[in-house]
C-alpha atoms as a PDB file:
ATOM      1  CA  MET A   1     117.611 183.124  82.440  1.00  0.00           C
ATOM      2  CA  ASN A   2     116.397 186.004  84.616  1.00  0.00           C
ATOM      3  CA  LYS A   3     112.785 185.245  83.665  1.00  0.00           C
ATOM      4  CA  HIS A   4     113.219 181.653  84.870  1.00  0.00           C
ATOM      5  CA  LYS A   5     114.521 182.862  88.252  1.00  0.00           C
ATOM      6  CA  ASN A   6     111.566 185.234  88.628  1.00  0.00           C
ATOM      7  CA  MET A   7     109.101 182.441  87.865  1.00  0.00           C
ATOM      8  CA  GLU A   8     110.786 180.141  90.352  1.00  0.00           C
ATOM      9  CA  GLN A   9     110.795 182.841  93.026  1.00  0.00           C
ATOM     10  CA  SER A  10     107.116 183.656  92.463  1.00  0.00           C
ATOM     11  CA  ARG A  11     106.264 179.953  92.725  1.00  0.00           C
ATOM     12  CA  LYS A  12     108.071 179.756  96.063  1.00  0.00           C
ATOM     13  CA  VAL A  13     106.166 182.806  97.299  1.00  0.00           C
ATOM     14  CA  GLU A  14     102.859 181.241  96.253  1.00  0.00           C
ATOM     15  CA  GLN A  15     103.754 177.963  97.967  1.00  0.00           C
ATOM     16  CA  SER A  16     104.698 179.737 101.192  1.00  0.00           C
ATOM     17  CA  MET A  17     101.399 181.673 101.109  1.00  0.00           C
ATOM     18  CA  ILE A  18      99.457 178.413 100.806  1.00  0.00           C
ATOM     19  CA  VAL A  19     101.357 176.865 103.710  1.00  0.00           C
ATOM     20  CA  GLU A  20     100.710 179.976 105.831  1.00  0.00           C
ATOM     21  CA  MET A  21      96.981 179.810 105.030  1.00  0.00           C
ATOM     22  CA  ILE A  22      96.842 176.148 106.047  1.00  0.00           C
ATOM     23  CA  ASP A  23      98.719 176.874 109.285  1.00  0.00           C
ATOM     24  CA  ALA A  24      96.368 179.754 110.080  1.00  0.00           C
ATOM     25  CA  SER A  25      93.306 177.562 109.499  1.00  0.00           C
ATOM     26  CA  TRP A  26      94.718 174.896 111.855  1.00  0.00           C
ATOM     27  CA  GLU A  27      95.413 177.508 114.539  1.00  0.00           C
ATOM     28  CA  LEU A  28      91.883 178.896 114.190  1.00  0.00           C
ATOM     29  CA  ALA A  29      90.417 175.400 114.541  1.00  0.00           C
ATOM     30  CA  GLU A  30      92.455 174.850 117.707  1.00  0.00           C
ATOM     31  CA  ARG A  31      91.293 178.181 119.183  1.00  0.00           C
ATOM     32  CA  LEU A  32      87.603 177.631 118.358  1.00  0.00           C
ATOM     33  CA  GLY A  33      87.501 174.007 119.424  1.00  0.00           C
ATOM     34  CA  LYS A  34      84.698 171.720 118.312  1.00  0.00           C
ATOM     35  CA  HIS A  35      81.849 173.720 116.794  1.00  0.00           C
ATOM     36  CA  PRO A  36      79.107 173.271 114.191  1.00  0.00           C
ATOM     37  CA  LEU A  37      79.586 174.325 110.599  1.00  0.00           C
ATOM     38  CA  LYS A  38      79.539 178.118 110.425  1.00  0.00           C
ATOM     39  CA  SER A  39      79.052 180.210 107.341  1.00  0.00           C
ATOM     40  CA  GLY A  40      82.246 182.141 106.621  1.00  0.00           C
ATOM     41  CA  CYS A  41      84.394 180.235 109.135  1.00  0.00           C
ATOM     42  CA  ASN A  42      87.810 179.478 107.630  1.00  0.00           C
ATOM     43  CA  CYS A  43      89.062 176.948 110.162  1.00  0.00           C
ATOM     44  CA  ILE A  44      90.243 173.670 108.658  1.00  0.00           C
ATOM     45  CA  SER A  45      87.319 171.793 110.211  1.00  0.00           C
ATOM     46  CA  CYS A  46      84.647 173.971 108.583  1.00  0.00           C
ATOM     47  CA  VAL A  47      86.510 174.013 105.273  1.00  0.00           C
ATOM     48  CA  ASN A  48      86.552 170.202 105.228  1.00  0.00           C
ATOM     49  CA  LYS A  49      82.875 170.014 106.210  1.00  0.00           C
ATOM     50  CA  ARG A  50      81.899 172.391 103.385  1.00  0.00           C
ATOM     51  CA  LYS A  51      84.005 170.393 100.936  1.00  0.00           C
ATOM     52  CA  ARG A  52      82.240 167.186 101.951  1.00  0.00           C
ATOM     53  CA  LEU A  53      78.833 168.836 101.530  1.00  0.00           C
ATOM     54  CA  LEU A  54      79.709 170.118  98.055  1.00  0.00           C
ATOM     55  CA  LYS A  55      81.268 166.904  96.838  1.00  0.00           C
ATOM     56  CA  ARG A  56      79.031 164.056  97.871  1.00  0.00           C
ATOM     57  CA  LEU A  57      80.057 160.460  97.361  1.00  0.00           C
ATOM     58  CA  GLU A  58      80.158 159.886  93.649  1.00  0.00           C
ATOM     59  CA  GLN A  59      79.353 156.228  93.912  1.00  0.00           C
ATOM     60  CA  GLU A  60      77.190 154.255  96.277  1.00  0.00           C
ATOM     61  CA  TRP A  61      78.835 151.755  98.570  1.00  0.00           C
ATOM     62  CA  LYS A  62      78.070 148.119  97.847  1.00  0.00           C
ATOM     63  CA  PHE A  63      78.067 147.196 101.535  1.00  0.00           C
ATOM     64  CA  SER A  64      76.565 148.883 104.550  1.00  0.00           C
ATOM     65  CA  LEU A  65      77.142 148.516 108.253  1.00  0.00           C
END
C-alpha cells in the first residue's frame, strides 16, 4: 500500500515538472518575441520548429494550393 502511494506521489511530481517546463518555455517565447530558429533555444516556438524539421510530413498531400 505504501509503495502505491509513493508511485502516485512520484508521478504527480513528474507531471508538475513537465507543466513547469512548458510554462517556462512559453514565458521565454513571450520574452524573446518573434525570432529565427536558434540552436539551443528552449522557447516553445523553437522547440516546435525543431520538431517540424525532424519529423517531416510522412505522406504527400494529394492537393496543392
